[in-house]
Amino acid sequence: MTDLKQVNDALNSYLRPATFPVAVKISQAEDDFPPKTKHPGKHIGHRVALCQGMSIARRIGWRVGFSKDDHACAIAIMIFGHEEEPEMVKNGEVVYPYYTSSKEAGQKTQEITPRAEKDSIKSITMAPLEKADFDPDVIVVYGNAAQITRLVQGSLFHSGGKIDSSFSGRGACGSSILIPYQTKECKVTIPGGGERIFAHTTDEELCFSIPKDKIDDTIDGLIKTHQNGIARVPTPFYGLFSKPDFPDKYKELEEKFNMKD
């Protein structure tokens, strides 16, 4: 098991994210939750969307557990394999007219929506990384463009190449959790509209997902690229060392005060 304290310390030291990095556990058992896990139906009093659970974990600090009965979002129910897609979904009738101009276009969008095999996933646990007492399948970090870029650089330090990510503007929980879990590759996700509306994800936030097998290399790469000095958070603006050019009246004062180099 990866030393999660070291991972959390590195993320906080080298990225300074505004919210907790989140450890995500995906299980084939319905009741596979660590102690002190809170469930929406029991502890909130109603179902919530999975993206809301993510925000509860990263902003409030709860361990949040989802079984099928905790999900409020029917799209997530299908993405994570709790239910098969009915014909109306396959035909694009859930995407159209909200996101596309026709059912045919909606069908194309639905066809690329991530999905797990039926009943292959029974439960999902999300917890702040610093409180995770389980081996995470995915770590999800929310941040601004500079912070996410640093994670991209760190994840490629040992392997080289590039990170491939795809975006449709909806069903982002599938991109940030399910896809990295299935492919075992790091991914960048642009949060969808529903996540911004219901989970209060801010307009400038992106998220970066690290599957279990990539955690050690990504964190080591993050540290090494920081040490190499080419890119850091906060961004080291080299313009700070440039000579200021002030208005003419200021320059008169420079002469008066003998401030010339």
Protein backbone atom coordinates (compact mmCIF):
# COMPACT_ATOMS: atom_id res chain seq x y z
CA MET A 1 0.00 0.00 0.00
CA THR A 2 1.27 3.46 -0.92
CA ASP A 3 2.18 5.72 2.01
CA LEU A 4 -0.85 7.99 1.76
CA LYS A 5 0.49 10.47 4.30
CA GLN A 6 3.54 11.09 2.13
CA VAL A 7 1.31 11.44 -0.94
CA ASN A 8 -0.97 13.91 0.84
CA ASP A 9 1.97 15.90 2.20
CA ALA A 10 3.54 16.11 -1.26
CA LEU A 11 0.30 17.27 -2.90
CA ASN A 12 -0.18 19.95 -0.26
CA SER A 13 3.46 21.07 -0.33
CA TYR A 14 3.94 21.20 -4.10
CA LEU A 15 0.42 22.08 -5.29
CA ARG A 16 -1.32 23.88 -2.40
CA PRO A 17 -4.83 22.84 -3.53
CA ALA A 18 -7.75 24.80 -2.08
CA THR A 19 -9.65 21.61 -1.18
CA PHE A 20 -8.68 18.18 0.13
CA PRO A 21 -7.35 15.65 -2.40
CA VAL A 22 -9.85 12.77 -2.39
CA ALA A 23 -9.18 9.05 -2.15
CA VAL A 24 -11.76 6.93 -3.98
CA LYS A 25 -12.39 3.24 -3.34
CA ILE A 26 -14.44 1.17 -5.78
CA SER A 27 -15.76 -2.16 -4.52
CA GLN A 28 -17.68 -5.17 -5.78
CA ALA A 29 -19.26 -5.57 -2.31
CA GLU A 30 -22.35 -3.60 -1.25
CA ASP A 31 -21.25 -3.04 2.35
CA ASP A 32 -17.52 -2.54 1.85
CA PHE A 33 -17.20 0.77 3.69
CA PRO A 34 -14.55 1.83 6.23
CA PRO A 35 -15.59 2.89 9.75
CA LYS A 36 -17.16 6.35 10.19
CA THR A 37 -18.38 6.44 6.61
CA LYS A 38 -21.44 8.63 6.19
CA HIS A 39 -24.17 7.61 3.74
CA PRO A 40 -26.42 10.20 2.08
CA GLY A 41 -29.66 8.36 2.77
CA LYS A 42 -28.86 7.82 6.45
CA HIS A 43 -26.79 10.84 7.46
CA ILE A 44 -28.16 13.53 5.14
CA GLY A 45 -31.70 12.22 4.92
CA HIS A 46 -31.98 11.86 1.15
CA ARG A 47 -30.06 10.76 -1.93
CA VAL A 48 -27.45 13.10 -3.39
CA ALA A 49 -25.51 13.12 -6.64
CA LEU A 50 -22.09 11.48 -6.66
CA CYS A 51 -20.48 14.82 -7.54
CA GLN A 52 -22.06 16.26 -4.40
CA GLY A 53 -20.47 13.45 -2.42
CA MET A 54 -17.11 14.34 -3.94
CA SER A 55 -17.53 17.96 -2.86
CA ILE A 56 -18.63 16.90 0.63
CA ALA A 57 -15.43 14.86 0.92
CA ARG A 58 -13.10 17.54 -0.44
CA ARG A 59 -14.71 20.56 1.21
CA ILE A 60 -16.25 19.31 4.46
CA GLY A 61 -13.92 16.38 5.10
CA TRP A 62 -16.41 13.52 5.46
CA ARG A 63 -15.90 9.94 4.41
CA VAL A 64 -18.84 9.48 2.05
CA GLY A 65 -20.16 6.09 0.96
CA PHE A 66 -22.44 5.38 -2.00
CA SER A 67 -24.36 2.22 -2.68
CA LYS A 68 -27.07 2.16 -5.34
CA ASP A 69 -29.68 3.58 -2.97
CA ASP A 70 -27.57 6.65 -2.16
CA HIS A 71 -27.40 7.95 -5.76
CA ALA A 72 -29.70 10.81 -6.77
CA CYS A 73 -28.32 11.05 -10.32
CA ALA A 74 -29.74 8.53 -12.79
CA ILE A 75 -26.81 9.17 -15.14
CA ALA A 76 -24.33 8.05 -12.46
CA ILE A 77 -26.51 5.00 -11.74
CA MET A 78 -25.93 3.90 -15.35
CA ILE A 79 -22.28 4.98 -15.56
CA PHE A 80 -21.34 2.86 -12.57
CA GLY A 81 -23.29 -0.18 -13.71
CA HIS A 82 -26.14 -0.23 -11.22
CA GLU A 83 -28.65 -0.22 -14.08
CA GLU A 84 -28.52 -0.96 -17.81
CA GLU A 85 -29.17 1.90 -20.20
CA PRO A 86 -32.82 1.78 -21.34
CA GLU A 87 -33.58 2.22 -25.02
CA MET A 88 -34.51 5.89 -24.60
CA VAL A 89 -31.02 6.56 -23.25
CA LYS A 90 -29.27 4.59 -25.98
CA ASN A 91 -31.27 6.55 -28.57
CA GLY A 92 -29.95 9.85 -27.25
CA GLU A 93 -33.22 11.04 -25.71
CA VAL A 94 -31.52 12.03 -22.43
CA VAL A 95 -28.80 14.04 -24.17
CA TYR A 96 -31.19 15.67 -26.69
CA PRO A 97 -32.47 18.40 -26.50
CA TYR A 98 -30.35 19.53 -23.54
CA TYR A 99 -26.91 19.12 -25.12
CA THR A 100 -27.49 18.45 -28.83
CA SER A 101 -29.68 19.69 -31.66
CA SER A 102 -30.94 16.22 -32.62
CA LYS A 103 -31.48 12.74 -31.20
CA GLU A 104 -28.91 11.44 -33.68
CA ALA A 105 -26.26 13.75 -32.26
CA GLY A 106 -27.41 12.88 -28.76
CA GLN A 107 -26.96 9.19 -29.54
CA LYS A 108 -23.36 9.82 -30.60
CA THR A 109 -22.68 11.61 -27.32
CA GLN A 110 -24.35 8.86 -25.30
CA GLU A 111 -22.33 6.17 -27.06
CA ILE A 112 -19.07 7.61 -25.72
CA THR A 113 -20.37 8.07 -22.17
CA PRO A 114 -18.28 5.95 -19.76
CA ARG A 115 -19.99 2.91 -18.30
CA ALA A 116 -19.17 -0.08 -16.12
CA GLU A 117 -20.52 -3.55 -16.72
CA LYS A 118 -23.85 -4.22 -15.02
CA ASP A 119 -23.40 -5.01 -11.31
CA SER A 120 -19.59 -4.90 -11.53
CA ILE A 121 -19.52 -2.06 -9.00
CA LYS A 122 -21.57 -2.22 -5.81
CA SER A 123 -20.17 0.61 -3.71
CA ILE A 124 -17.98 3.70 -3.86
CA THR A 125 -16.23 5.40 -0.93
CA MET A 126 -14.74 8.88 -1.09
CA ALA A 127 -12.64 10.39 1.68
CA PRO A 128 -10.15 13.20 2.16
CA LEU A 129 -6.78 11.65 1.43
CA GLU A 130 -5.52 12.58 4.88
CA LYS A 131 -8.36 10.54 6.44
CA ALA A 132 -8.29 7.58 4.05
CA ASP A 133 -7.88 4.32 5.97
CA PHE A 134 -8.15 2.23 2.82
CA ASP A 135 -6.09 1.59 -0.30
CA PRO A 136 -7.56 3.98 -2.91
CA ASP A 137 -8.25 2.90 -6.47
CA VAL A 138 -8.13 6.51 -7.65
CA ILE A 139 -6.98 9.81 -6.15
CA VAL A 140 -8.80 12.89 -7.45
CA VAL A 141 -7.31 16.37 -7.07
CA TYR A 142 -9.21 19.55 -7.93
CA GLY A 143 -7.24 22.65 -8.82
CA ASN A 144 -6.69 25.52 -11.18
CA ALA A 145 -4.98 25.22 -14.57
CA ALA A 146 -1.50 25.78 -13.12
CA GLN A 147 -1.95 23.08 -10.46
CA ILE A 148 -3.36 20.56 -12.92
CA THR A 149 -0.51 21.29 -15.33
CA ARG A 150 1.94 20.46 -12.56
CA LEU A 151 0.24 17.08 -12.07
CA VAL A 152 0.39 16.42 -15.81
CA GLN A 153 4.11 17.18 -15.76
CA GLY A 154 4.64 15.00 -12.70
CA SER A 155 2.72 12.07 -14.16
CA LEU A 156 4.81 12.13 -17.34
CA PHE A 157 8.22 12.58 -15.68
CA HIS A 158 9.10 8.87 -15.75
CA SER A 159 7.10 7.72 -18.79
CA GLY A 160 7.18 10.69 -21.14
CA GLY A 161 4.52 11.10 -23.79
CA LYS A 162 1.18 12.77 -23.15
CA ILE A 163 -2.07 12.39 -21.26
CA ASP A 164 -5.14 11.67 -23.38
CA SER A 165 -8.43 12.94 -22.04
CA SER A 166 -11.80 13.47 -23.70
CA PHE A 167 -14.65 15.79 -22.80
CA SER A 168 -18.37 15.88 -23.54
CA GLY A 169 -19.45 18.38 -20.90
CA ARG A 170 -21.61 15.88 -19.01
CA GLY A 171 -21.25 12.76 -16.86
CA ALA A 172 -17.90 13.98 -15.57
CA CYS A 173 -17.92 11.53 -12.64
CA GLY A 174 -17.37 8.81 -15.23
CA SER A 175 -14.33 10.62 -16.58
CA SER A 176 -12.79 11.48 -13.21
CA ILE A 177 -13.43 8.14 -11.43
CA LEU A 178 -14.46 5.31 -13.74
CA ILE A 179 -12.16 5.91 -16.74
CA PRO A 180 -8.90 6.10 -14.73
CA TYR A 181 -10.07 3.06 -12.76
CA GLN A 182 -10.70 1.10 -15.96
CA THR A 183 -7.72 2.26 -18.02
CA LYS A 184 -5.20 2.60 -15.16
CA GLU A 185 -4.11 5.90 -16.73
CA CYS A 186 -4.10 9.44 -15.34
CA LYS A 187 -6.82 11.70 -16.70
CA VAL A 188 -7.74 15.38 -16.74
CA THR A 189 -11.45 16.18 -16.43
CA ILE A 190 -13.42 19.35 -17.05
CA PRO A 191 -16.31 19.21 -14.55
CA GLY A 192 -19.73 19.18 -16.16
CA GLY A 193 -22.64 21.59 -15.71
CA GLY A 194 -24.47 19.43 -13.21
CA GLU A 195 -21.43 19.32 -10.96
CA ARG A 196 -21.19 23.10 -11.00
CA ILE A 197 -24.91 23.49 -10.25
CA PHE A 198 -25.34 20.84 -7.56
CA ALA A 199 -21.84 20.28 -6.16
CA HIS A 200 -20.70 23.93 -6.22
CA THR A 201 -17.58 23.15 -8.24
CA THR A 202 -16.20 26.54 -9.18
CA ASP A 203 -15.85 27.84 -12.72
CA GLU A 204 -12.04 27.80 -12.68
CA GLU A 205 -11.64 24.26 -11.31
CA LEU A 206 -10.39 21.25 -13.25
CA CYS A 207 -9.65 17.86 -11.78
CA PHE A 208 -6.84 15.38 -12.18
CA SER A 209 -7.26 11.67 -11.47
CA ILE A 210 -4.44 9.31 -10.52
CA PRO A 211 -5.16 5.55 -10.62
CA LYS A 212 -3.59 3.33 -7.98
CA ASP A 213 -0.77 2.02 -10.15
CA LYS A 214 0.35 5.56 -11.09
CA ILE A 215 0.36 7.19 -7.65
CA ASP A 216 4.01 6.63 -6.72
CA ASP A 217 5.43 7.67 -10.10
CA THR A 218 3.18 10.74 -10.31
CA ILE A 219 4.12 12.00 -6.86
CA ASP A 220 7.81 11.33 -7.43
CA GLY A 221 7.58 13.13 -10.76
CA LEU A 222 5.80 16.07 -9.13
CA ILE A 223 8.61 16.40 -6.61
CA LYS A 224 11.40 15.95 -9.15
CA THR A 225 10.00 18.47 -11.63
CA HIS A 226 9.63 20.97 -8.79
CA GLN A 227 13.23 20.40 -7.77
CA ASN A 228 14.32 20.89 -11.38
CA GLY A 229 12.86 24.40 -11.10
CA ILE A 230 11.26 24.61 -14.52
CA ALA A 231 7.69 24.86 -13.20
CA ARG A 232 6.31 25.33 -9.71
CA VAL A 233 3.26 26.37 -7.71
CA PRO A 234 3.12 29.26 -6.97
CA THR A 235 4.33 30.13 -10.46
CA PRO A 236 7.79 31.74 -10.23
CA PHE A 237 7.25 34.83 -12.37
CA TYR A 238 10.66 35.84 -13.70
CA GLY A 239 9.23 39.22 -14.65
CA LEU A 240 9.56 40.04 -10.95
CA PHE A 241 13.28 40.57 -11.59
CA SER A 242 12.79 43.02 -14.49
CA LYS A 243 13.52 46.72 -14.16
CA PRO A 244 10.32 48.79 -13.74
CA ASP A 245 9.60 51.55 -16.26
CA PHE A 246 7.82 54.42 -14.48
CA PRO A 247 6.13 57.61 -15.85
CA ASP A 248 8.24 60.68 -16.60
CA LYS A 249 7.40 62.47 -13.36
CA TYR A 250 8.60 59.45 -11.40
CA LYS A 251 11.83 59.57 -13.40
CA GLU A 252 12.30 63.21 -12.41
CA LEU A 253 12.10 62.10 -8.79
CA GLU A 254 14.60 59.34 -9.49
CA GLU A 255 17.04 61.98 -10.70
CA LYS A 256 16.28 64.19 -7.70
CA PHE A 257 16.80 61.33 -5.25
CA ASN A 258 19.86 60.03 -7.09
CA MET A 259 18.23 56.65 -7.65
CA LYS A 260 20.00 55.74 -10.90
CA ASP A 261 21.93 52.45 -10.92
